[in-house]
Amino acid sequence: MASERWVFGYGSLMWRPGFPFVERRGATLHGRRRAFCIYSVHHRGTYERPGLVLGLAPGGACRGAAYRVDEADWAQTYAYLLEREQPTETYIEARRFIRLDDGRRVESLCFLSDVMHAQWAGALSLERQAELIAGAKGLSGRNVDYLRDLVDHLREMRVRDAGMERLLTMVEHREAAA
């Protein structure tokens, strides 16, 4: 249906959407990839000690979760998402077509990385990502916990991301040595 409201999650929205929904499906967004490419000065770091959070960087494809929101809940859900996802306006709000696991192609609200924003970190080496994530903490908690939640939930979805798993191992070793 053209009037359906969908939200695509590729990070914490996969395991903690925080809004009511009537349907949840695995989904793929083409043309963007999940990456630790945003300096976090709010949720997982501070201005003095930035961490890193996920973004949808240009290129590739991203597996995530799609949520269909009832029209009656849309205004409240949309306001919540803007507050949650845009504290420093590091993302571009966009509507993109995603492919649901059941084969449907639906239009969805997505928050894409703004490559022109001051918090855009770009393509960092795994070593640099580990340096930034290890020890970082913000209003939503420790940066390593965010990474660990991501890896755990990707595994639950049967998505193996060797890069994210290697990054988690690197961060855990850094934090153990600190």
N, C-alpha and C. Protein backbone atom coordinates (compact mmCIF):
# COMPACT_ATOMS: atom_id res chain seq x y z
N MET A 1 0.84 -1.19 0.00
CA MET A 1 0.00 0.00 0.00
C MET A 1 0.87 1.24 0.00
N ALA A 2 0.50 2.23 -0.79
CA ALA A 2 1.26 3.46 -0.89
C ALA A 2 1.23 4.26 0.41
N SER A 3 0.21 4.06 1.23
CA SER A 3 0.08 4.84 2.45
C SER A 3 0.80 4.21 3.64
N GLU A 4 1.44 3.04 3.46
CA GLU A 4 2.15 2.42 4.57
C GLU A 4 3.36 3.25 4.97
N ARG A 5 3.64 3.25 6.27
CA ARG A 5 4.78 3.98 6.82
C ARG A 5 5.80 2.96 7.34
N TRP A 6 6.99 2.97 6.75
CA TRP A 6 8.06 2.07 7.13
C TRP A 6 9.27 2.86 7.62
N VAL A 7 10.00 2.27 8.56
CA VAL A 7 11.25 2.83 9.08
C VAL A 7 12.32 1.75 8.94
N PHE A 8 13.48 2.12 8.41
CA PHE A 8 14.60 1.18 8.25
C PHE A 8 15.62 1.42 9.35
N GLY A 9 15.98 0.36 10.06
CA GLY A 9 16.99 0.42 11.10
C GLY A 9 18.18 -0.45 10.77
N TYR A 10 19.37 0.05 10.98
CA TYR A 10 20.60 -0.69 10.67
C TYR A 10 21.55 -0.74 11.85
N GLY A 11 21.22 -0.02 12.93
CA GLY A 11 22.02 0.00 14.15
C GLY A 11 21.10 -0.28 15.32
N SER A 12 21.11 0.60 16.30
CA SER A 12 20.34 0.34 17.53
C SER A 12 18.83 0.26 17.29
N LEU A 13 18.34 0.80 16.20
CA LEU A 13 16.92 0.64 15.90
C LEU A 13 16.56 -0.83 15.66
N MET A 14 17.55 -1.66 15.33
CA MET A 14 17.26 -3.09 15.12
C MET A 14 16.88 -3.77 16.43
N TRP A 15 17.51 -3.40 17.53
CA TRP A 15 17.25 -4.07 18.80
C TRP A 15 16.52 -3.21 19.82
N ARG A 16 16.42 -1.92 19.54
CA ARG A 16 15.73 -1.02 20.48
C ARG A 16 15.01 0.06 19.68
N PRO A 17 13.92 -0.32 18.99
CA PRO A 17 13.27 0.69 18.16
C PRO A 17 12.68 1.84 18.97
N GLY A 18 12.05 1.55 20.09
CA GLY A 18 11.54 2.61 20.94
C GLY A 18 10.23 3.23 20.50
N PHE A 19 9.56 2.61 19.55
CA PHE A 19 8.28 3.11 19.07
C PHE A 19 7.38 1.92 18.75
N PRO A 20 6.06 2.14 18.76
CA PRO A 20 5.15 1.04 18.44
C PRO A 20 5.17 0.73 16.94
N PHE A 21 5.06 -0.55 16.62
CA PHE A 21 5.02 -0.95 15.22
C PHE A 21 4.08 -2.13 15.09
N VAL A 22 3.56 -2.32 13.89
CA VAL A 22 2.62 -3.41 13.65
C VAL A 22 3.26 -4.59 12.91
N GLU A 23 4.45 -4.36 12.36
CA GLU A 23 5.14 -5.41 11.62
C GLU A 23 6.63 -5.11 11.63
N ARG A 24 7.44 -6.18 11.78
CA ARG A 24 8.90 -6.06 11.71
C ARG A 24 9.39 -7.13 10.74
N ARG A 25 10.24 -6.71 9.81
CA ARG A 25 10.80 -7.64 8.81
C ARG A 25 12.28 -7.36 8.64
N GLY A 26 13.03 -8.42 8.33
CA GLY A 26 14.38 -8.22 7.86
C GLY A 26 14.30 -7.50 6.52
N ALA A 27 15.29 -6.65 6.23
CA ALA A 27 15.24 -5.87 5.00
C ALA A 27 16.64 -5.52 4.52
N THR A 28 16.74 -5.20 3.24
CA THR A 28 18.01 -4.77 2.65
C THR A 28 17.82 -3.45 1.94
N LEU A 29 18.74 -2.54 2.22
CA LEU A 29 18.82 -1.25 1.54
C LEU A 29 20.02 -1.31 0.61
N HIS A 30 19.80 -1.10 -0.68
CA HIS A 30 20.89 -1.09 -1.65
C HIS A 30 21.38 0.34 -1.87
N GLY A 31 22.69 0.46 -2.10
CA GLY A 31 23.29 1.76 -2.37
C GLY A 31 23.92 2.41 -1.15
N ARG A 32 23.73 1.80 0.01
CA ARG A 32 24.34 2.30 1.26
C ARG A 32 24.85 1.11 2.05
N ARG A 33 25.87 1.34 2.86
CA ARG A 33 26.45 0.28 3.69
C ARG A 33 26.57 0.76 5.12
N ARG A 34 26.48 -0.18 6.06
CA ARG A 34 26.64 0.12 7.48
C ARG A 34 28.12 0.36 7.76
N ALA A 35 28.45 1.46 8.45
CA ALA A 35 29.84 1.76 8.76
C ALA A 35 29.93 2.64 10.01
N PHE A 36 30.99 2.46 10.77
CA PHE A 36 31.29 3.39 11.85
C PHE A 36 31.97 4.60 11.20
N CYS A 37 31.16 5.55 10.80
CA CYS A 37 31.65 6.69 10.01
C CYS A 37 31.21 8.04 10.55
N ILE A 38 30.62 8.06 11.76
CA ILE A 38 30.13 9.30 12.36
C ILE A 38 30.78 9.47 13.72
N TYR A 39 31.47 10.59 13.93
CA TYR A 39 32.00 10.90 15.27
C TYR A 39 30.82 11.16 16.19
N SER A 40 30.78 10.47 17.32
CA SER A 40 29.69 10.64 18.28
C SER A 40 30.12 11.56 19.41
N VAL A 41 29.41 12.67 19.53
CA VAL A 41 29.68 13.62 20.61
C VAL A 41 28.47 13.74 21.53
N HIS A 42 27.51 12.84 21.35
CA HIS A 42 26.26 12.89 22.11
C HIS A 42 25.97 11.52 22.73
N HIS A 43 25.54 10.55 21.92
CA HIS A 43 25.10 9.26 22.43
C HIS A 43 26.24 8.37 22.93
N ARG A 44 27.37 8.31 22.23
CA ARG A 44 28.44 7.36 22.58
C ARG A 44 29.80 8.02 22.74
N GLY A 45 29.80 9.32 22.93
CA GLY A 45 31.04 10.05 23.16
C GLY A 45 30.70 11.47 23.59
N THR A 46 31.71 12.29 23.68
CA THR A 46 31.53 13.69 24.04
C THR A 46 32.36 14.54 23.08
N TYR A 47 32.19 15.86 23.16
CA TYR A 47 33.02 16.73 22.33
C TYR A 47 34.49 16.58 22.72
N GLU A 48 34.75 16.38 24.02
CA GLU A 48 36.13 16.23 24.49
C GLU A 48 36.71 14.88 24.10
N ARG A 49 35.87 13.85 24.07
CA ARG A 49 36.32 12.47 23.77
C ARG A 49 35.28 11.79 22.87
N PRO A 50 35.34 12.12 21.57
CA PRO A 50 34.36 11.53 20.66
C PRO A 50 34.50 10.03 20.54
N GLY A 51 33.36 9.38 20.35
CA GLY A 51 33.32 7.98 19.99
C GLY A 51 32.91 7.87 18.54
N LEU A 52 32.44 6.72 18.15
CA LEU A 52 31.96 6.51 16.79
C LEU A 52 30.61 5.83 16.83
N VAL A 53 29.73 6.23 15.93
CA VAL A 53 28.46 5.54 15.76
C VAL A 53 28.30 5.17 14.29
N LEU A 54 27.33 4.32 14.07
CA LEU A 54 27.08 3.84 12.72
C LEU A 54 26.39 4.89 11.87
N GLY A 55 26.64 4.78 10.60
CA GLY A 55 25.93 5.57 9.61
C GLY A 55 25.71 4.71 8.38
N LEU A 56 24.89 5.20 7.50
CA LEU A 56 24.70 4.57 6.19
C LEU A 56 25.56 5.33 5.21
N ALA A 57 26.75 4.81 4.98
CA ALA A 57 27.72 5.44 4.08
C ALA A 57 27.41 5.04 2.64
N PRO A 58 27.80 5.88 1.69
CA PRO A 58 27.54 5.56 0.28
C PRO A 58 28.20 4.26 -0.16
N GLY A 59 27.48 3.51 -1.01
CA GLY A 59 28.01 2.29 -1.61
C GLY A 59 27.56 1.03 -0.91
N GLY A 60 27.53 -0.06 -1.66
CA GLY A 60 27.23 -1.36 -1.08
C GLY A 60 25.76 -1.59 -0.81
N ALA A 61 25.52 -2.43 0.19
CA ALA A 61 24.16 -2.76 0.61
C ALA A 61 24.18 -3.00 2.11
N CYS A 62 23.04 -2.86 2.75
CA CYS A 62 22.96 -3.01 4.19
C CYS A 62 21.75 -3.84 4.58
N ARG A 63 21.99 -4.89 5.37
CA ARG A 63 20.92 -5.68 5.96
C ARG A 63 20.52 -5.02 7.27
N GLY A 64 19.23 -4.95 7.50
CA GLY A 64 18.74 -4.35 8.73
C GLY A 64 17.34 -4.82 9.02
N ALA A 65 16.62 -4.01 9.76
CA ALA A 65 15.24 -4.32 10.14
C ALA A 65 14.33 -3.19 9.67
N ALA A 66 13.17 -3.57 9.17
CA ALA A 66 12.17 -2.59 8.73
C ALA A 66 10.94 -2.74 9.62
N TYR A 67 10.40 -1.60 10.00
CA TYR A 67 9.22 -1.56 10.87
C TYR A 67 8.09 -0.83 10.16
N ARG A 68 6.93 -1.48 10.14
CA ARG A 68 5.74 -0.81 9.60
C ARG A 68 5.01 -0.20 10.80
N VAL A 69 4.77 1.10 10.68
CA VAL A 69 4.15 1.86 11.76
C VAL A 69 2.72 2.20 11.36
N ASP A 70 1.81 1.99 12.28
CA ASP A 70 0.41 2.34 12.05
C ASP A 70 0.29 3.85 11.83
N GLU A 71 -0.55 4.22 10.90
CA GLU A 71 -0.75 5.64 10.58
C GLU A 71 -1.11 6.46 11.82
N ALA A 72 -1.89 5.88 12.72
CA ALA A 72 -2.29 6.59 13.93
C ALA A 72 -1.10 6.90 14.84
N ASP A 73 -0.03 6.12 14.72
CA ASP A 73 1.17 6.31 15.55
C ASP A 73 2.27 7.09 14.84
N TRP A 74 2.06 7.41 13.55
CA TRP A 74 3.15 7.95 12.75
C TRP A 74 3.67 9.29 13.27
N ALA A 75 2.82 10.24 13.57
CA ALA A 75 3.29 11.57 13.99
C ALA A 75 4.17 11.48 15.23
N GLN A 76 3.73 10.70 16.20
CA GLN A 76 4.51 10.54 17.43
C GLN A 76 5.82 9.79 17.16
N THR A 77 5.76 8.75 16.33
CA THR A 77 6.95 7.98 15.99
C THR A 77 7.96 8.84 15.24
N TYR A 78 7.48 9.61 14.29
CA TYR A 78 8.36 10.48 13.50
C TYR A 78 9.05 11.51 14.40
N ALA A 79 8.30 12.13 15.29
CA ALA A 79 8.89 13.12 16.22
C ALA A 79 9.95 12.45 17.10
N TYR A 80 9.66 11.26 17.59
CA TYR A 80 10.60 10.50 18.40
C TYR A 80 11.88 10.21 17.61
N LEU A 81 11.73 9.76 16.37
CA LEU A 81 12.90 9.44 15.56
C LEU A 81 13.76 10.66 15.27
N LEU A 82 13.15 11.80 15.02
CA LEU A 82 13.93 13.02 14.79
C LEU A 82 14.73 13.38 16.03
N GLU A 83 14.11 13.26 17.20
CA GLU A 83 14.82 13.59 18.45
C GLU A 83 15.96 12.59 18.70
N ARG A 84 15.69 11.34 18.46
CA ARG A 84 16.68 10.29 18.72
C ARG A 84 17.83 10.31 17.71
N GLU A 85 17.51 10.42 16.44
CA GLU A 85 18.50 10.26 15.39
C GLU A 85 19.20 11.56 14.98
N GLN A 86 18.65 12.68 15.36
CA GLN A 86 19.19 13.94 14.87
C GLN A 86 19.62 14.93 15.95
N PRO A 87 20.23 14.50 17.05
CA PRO A 87 20.61 15.48 18.08
C PRO A 87 21.62 16.51 17.57
N THR A 88 22.48 16.11 16.62
CA THR A 88 23.43 17.06 16.05
C THR A 88 23.29 17.12 14.52
N GLU A 89 22.19 16.62 14.02
CA GLU A 89 21.85 16.67 12.58
C GLU A 89 22.94 16.11 11.68
N THR A 90 23.48 14.94 12.07
CA THR A 90 24.54 14.30 11.29
C THR A 90 24.01 13.42 10.17
N TYR A 91 22.69 13.26 10.11
CA TYR A 91 22.09 12.41 9.10
C TYR A 91 21.16 13.21 8.20
N ILE A 92 20.98 12.68 7.01
CA ILE A 92 20.02 13.25 6.07
C ILE A 92 18.80 12.36 6.07
N GLU A 93 17.68 12.94 6.40
CA GLU A 93 16.42 12.21 6.37
C GLU A 93 16.06 11.95 4.91
N ALA A 94 15.76 10.70 4.60
CA ALA A 94 15.46 10.36 3.20
C ALA A 94 14.42 9.26 3.14
N ARG A 95 13.79 9.15 2.00
CA ARG A 95 12.88 8.03 1.71
C ARG A 95 13.57 7.21 0.62
N ARG A 96 13.77 5.91 0.92
CA ARG A 96 14.43 5.01 -0.01
C ARG A 96 13.63 3.71 -0.09
N PHE A 97 13.73 3.07 -1.23
CA PHE A 97 13.09 1.77 -1.37
C PHE A 97 14.00 0.70 -0.77
N ILE A 98 13.39 -0.20 -0.01
CA ILE A 98 14.09 -1.33 0.59
C ILE A 98 13.39 -2.60 0.16
N ARG A 99 14.12 -3.71 0.21
CA ARG A 99 13.56 -5.01 -0.11
C ARG A 99 13.36 -5.78 1.19
N LEU A 100 12.12 -6.13 1.48
CA LEU A 100 11.81 -6.91 2.67
C LEU A 100 12.13 -8.38 2.42
N ASP A 101 12.36 -9.13 3.48
CA ASP A 101 12.70 -10.54 3.35
C ASP A 101 11.61 -11.36 2.67
N ASP A 102 10.37 -10.89 2.72
CA ASP A 102 9.29 -11.63 2.06
C ASP A 102 9.16 -11.26 0.58
N GLY A 103 10.10 -10.43 0.07
CA GLY A 103 10.13 -10.07 -1.34
C GLY A 103 9.50 -8.74 -1.69
N ARG A 104 8.71 -8.18 -0.78
CA ARG A 104 8.09 -6.88 -1.07
C ARG A 104 9.15 -5.79 -1.16
N ARG A 105 8.87 -4.82 -2.00
CA ARG A 105 9.71 -3.62 -2.12
C ARG A 105 8.86 -2.47 -1.61
N VAL A 106 9.34 -1.79 -0.54
CA VAL A 106 8.55 -0.73 0.07
C VAL A 106 9.41 0.51 0.25
N GLU A 107 8.77 1.66 0.28
CA GLU A 107 9.46 2.90 0.57
C GLU A 107 9.57 3.05 2.08
N SER A 108 10.74 3.50 2.54
CA SER A 108 10.99 3.57 3.97
C SER A 108 11.71 4.86 4.34
N LEU A 109 11.45 5.31 5.56
CA LEU A 109 12.23 6.41 6.13
C LEU A 109 13.59 5.86 6.50
N CYS A 110 14.64 6.53 6.06
CA CYS A 110 16.02 6.14 6.37
C CYS A 110 16.77 7.39 6.80
N PHE A 111 17.77 7.21 7.63
CA PHE A 111 18.66 8.31 8.01
C PHE A 111 20.03 8.00 7.43
N LEU A 112 20.40 8.72 6.38
CA LEU A 112 21.64 8.51 5.64
C LEU A 112 22.74 9.41 6.20
N SER A 113 23.98 8.94 6.16
CA SER A 113 25.11 9.74 6.63
C SER A 113 25.26 10.98 5.75
N ASP A 114 25.46 12.11 6.40
CA ASP A 114 25.73 13.37 5.71
C ASP A 114 27.24 13.52 5.59
N VAL A 115 27.78 13.25 4.41
CA VAL A 115 29.23 13.27 4.20
C VAL A 115 29.81 14.69 4.27
N MET A 116 28.95 15.70 4.30
CA MET A 116 29.41 17.08 4.41
C MET A 116 29.37 17.60 5.86
N HIS A 117 28.84 16.82 6.77
CA HIS A 117 28.71 17.24 8.16
C HIS A 117 30.07 17.18 8.86
N ALA A 118 30.29 18.07 9.82
CA ALA A 118 31.56 18.11 10.56
C ALA A 118 31.84 16.81 11.32
N GLN A 119 30.81 16.04 11.65
CA GLN A 119 31.01 14.79 12.38
C GLN A 119 31.23 13.58 11.47
N TRP A 120 31.23 13.79 10.16
CA TRP A 120 31.50 12.72 9.22
C TRP A 120 32.96 12.29 9.40
N ALA A 121 33.17 11.03 9.74
CA ALA A 121 34.52 10.51 9.95
C ALA A 121 35.07 9.86 8.69
N GLY A 122 34.17 9.45 7.81
CA GLY A 122 34.60 8.82 6.56
C GLY A 122 35.09 7.40 6.78
N ALA A 123 35.93 6.95 5.87
CA ALA A 123 36.44 5.57 5.90
C ALA A 123 37.70 5.52 6.76
N LEU A 124 37.53 5.09 8.00
CA LEU A 124 38.64 4.96 8.93
C LEU A 124 39.14 3.52 8.95
N SER A 125 40.42 3.34 9.20
CA SER A 125 40.95 1.99 9.35
C SER A 125 40.32 1.34 10.58
N LEU A 126 40.31 0.00 10.63
CA LEU A 126 39.79 -0.69 11.81
C LEU A 126 40.56 -0.28 13.05
N GLU A 127 41.85 -0.09 12.92
CA GLU A 127 42.68 0.33 14.06
C GLU A 127 42.22 1.69 14.59
N ARG A 128 41.98 2.63 13.72
CA ARG A 128 41.52 3.96 14.16
C ARG A 128 40.12 3.88 14.76
N GLN A 129 39.25 3.05 14.17
CA GLN A 129 37.92 2.87 14.75
C GLN A 129 38.04 2.31 16.16
N ALA A 130 38.90 1.32 16.35
CA ALA A 130 39.09 0.73 17.67
C ALA A 130 39.60 1.76 18.67
N GLU A 131 40.51 2.62 18.25
CA GLU A 131 41.03 3.68 19.12
C GLU A 131 39.91 4.60 19.59
N LEU A 132 39.05 4.97 18.68
CA LEU A 132 37.97 5.91 19.02
C LEU A 132 36.88 5.26 19.87
N ILE A 133 36.55 4.00 19.60
CA ILE A 133 35.47 3.33 20.32
C ILE A 133 35.90 2.93 21.73
N ALA A 134 37.12 2.43 21.87
CA ALA A 134 37.60 1.97 23.17
C ALA A 134 37.62 3.13 24.17
N GLY A 135 36.92 2.97 25.26
CA GLY A 135 36.91 3.98 26.32
C GLY A 135 35.94 5.12 26.13
N ALA A 136 35.32 5.24 24.96
CA ALA A 136 34.38 6.34 24.72
C ALA A 136 33.05 6.05 25.42
N LYS A 137 32.43 7.12 25.91
CA LYS A 137 31.16 6.99 26.64
C LYS A 137 30.37 8.28 26.45
N GLY A 138 29.05 8.13 26.24
CA GLY A 138 28.18 9.29 26.07
C GLY A 138 26.89 9.12 26.83
N LEU A 139 25.90 9.91 26.49
CA LEU A 139 24.62 9.90 27.20
C LEU A 139 23.92 8.54 27.13
N SER A 140 24.17 7.78 26.07
CA SER A 140 23.52 6.47 25.91
C SER A 140 24.40 5.32 26.38
N GLY A 141 25.56 5.63 26.95
CA GLY A 141 26.41 4.58 27.49
C GLY A 141 27.73 4.43 26.78
N ARG A 142 28.38 3.29 27.08
CA ARG A 142 29.71 3.02 26.54
C ARG A 142 29.64 2.66 25.06
N ASN A 143 30.61 3.16 24.31
CA ASN A 143 30.65 2.92 22.88
C ASN A 143 30.83 1.44 22.57
N VAL A 144 31.64 0.73 23.36
CA VAL A 144 31.86 -0.70 23.12
C VAL A 144 30.55 -1.48 23.28
N ASP A 145 29.67 -1.06 24.18
CA ASP A 145 28.40 -1.77 24.35
C ASP A 145 27.54 -1.66 23.10
N TYR A 146 27.57 -0.51 22.46
CA TYR A 146 26.86 -0.29 21.19
C TYR A 146 27.39 -1.24 20.12
N LEU A 147 28.70 -1.33 20.02
CA LEU A 147 29.32 -2.24 19.05
C LEU A 147 28.98 -3.70 19.38
N ARG A 148 29.04 -4.06 20.65
CA ARG A 148 28.72 -5.43 21.06
C ARG A 148 27.26 -5.77 20.74
N ASP A 149 26.35 -4.83 21.05
CA ASP A 149 24.93 -5.04 20.71
C ASP A 149 24.76 -5.25 19.21
N LEU A 150 25.46 -4.46 18.42
CA LEU A 150 25.37 -4.60 16.96
C LEU A 150 25.79 -6.01 16.53
N VAL A 151 26.96 -6.43 16.96
CA VAL A 151 27.46 -7.75 16.56
C VAL A 151 26.51 -8.85 17.02
N ASP A 152 26.03 -8.76 18.26
CA ASP A 152 25.10 -9.77 18.77
C ASP A 152 23.82 -9.82 17.95
N HIS A 153 23.28 -8.67 17.61
CA HIS A 153 22.01 -8.65 16.87
C HIS A 153 22.18 -9.03 15.41
N LEU A 154 23.32 -8.72 14.83
CA LEU A 154 23.58 -9.20 13.47
C LEU A 154 23.64 -10.73 13.47
N ARG A 155 24.28 -11.29 14.47
CA ARG A 155 24.35 -12.76 14.57
C ARG A 155 22.96 -13.36 14.71
N GLU A 156 22.11 -12.72 15.55
CA GLU A 156 20.74 -13.21 15.70
C GLU A 156 19.99 -13.20 14.38
N MET A 157 20.31 -12.22 13.53
CA MET A 157 19.68 -12.12 12.21
C MET A 157 20.38 -13.01 11.18
N ARG A 158 21.37 -13.76 11.64
CA ARG A 158 22.18 -14.63 10.77
C ARG A 158 22.95 -13.83 9.73
N VAL A 159 23.42 -12.65 10.15
CA VAL A 159 24.27 -11.82 9.29
C VAL A 159 25.66 -11.86 9.90
N ARG A 160 26.61 -12.40 9.15
CA ARG A 160 28.00 -12.43 9.61
C ARG A 160 28.72 -11.24 9.01
N ASP A 161 29.26 -10.40 9.87
CA ASP A 161 30.03 -9.24 9.44
C ASP A 161 31.41 -9.38 10.07
N ALA A 162 32.33 -9.97 9.33
CA ALA A 162 33.67 -10.26 9.84
C ALA A 162 34.39 -8.98 10.28
N GLY A 163 34.17 -7.88 9.58
CA GLY A 163 34.81 -6.62 9.95
C GLY A 163 34.34 -6.11 11.30
N MET A 164 33.04 -6.16 11.55
CA MET A 164 32.50 -5.70 12.83
C MET A 164 32.93 -6.63 13.95
N GLU A 165 32.99 -7.94 13.68
CA GLU A 165 33.42 -8.89 14.70
C GLU A 165 34.90 -8.68 15.04
N ARG A 166 35.71 -8.43 14.04
CA ARG A 166 37.14 -8.15 14.27
C ARG A 166 37.30 -6.85 15.04
N LEU A 167 36.51 -5.83 14.68
CA LEU A 167 36.57 -4.55 15.39
C LEU A 167 36.23 -4.74 16.87
N LEU A 168 35.19 -5.52 17.16
CA LEU A 168 34.81 -5.77 18.55
C LEU A 168 35.95 -6.44 19.31
N THR A 169 36.60 -7.41 18.72
CA THR A 169 37.74 -8.07 19.37
C THR A 169 38.85 -7.07 19.65
N MET A 170 39.14 -6.20 18.69
CA MET A 170 40.18 -5.18 18.87
C MET A 170 39.83 -4.22 20.01
N VAL A 171 38.59 -3.78 20.07
CA VAL A 171 38.16 -2.85 21.12
C VAL A 171 38.21 -3.52 22.48
N GLU A 172 37.72 -4.76 22.56
CA GLU A 172 37.75 -5.48 23.84
C GLU A 172 39.18 -5.66 24.34
N HIS A 173 40.13 -5.94 23.44
CA HIS A 173 41.54 -6.07 23.85
C HIS A 173 42.08 -4.74 24.35
N ARG A 174 41.74 -3.66 23.68
CA ARG A 174 42.19 -2.33 24.11
C ARG A 174 41.65 -1.99 25.49
N GLU A 175 40.35 -2.27 25.68
CA GLU A 175 39.74 -1.93 26.97
C GLU A 175 40.28 -2.80 28.10
N ALA A 176 40.60 -4.05 27.82
CA ALA A 176 41.16 -4.94 28.84
C ALA A 176 42.56 -4.49 29.24
N ALA A 177 43.29 -3.91 28.29
CA ALA A 177 44.67 -3.47 28.55
C ALA A 177 44.72 -2.10 29.24
N ALA A 178 43.60 -1.37 29.21
CA ALA A 178 43.61 -0.01 29.77
C ALA A 178 43.54 -0.02 31.29
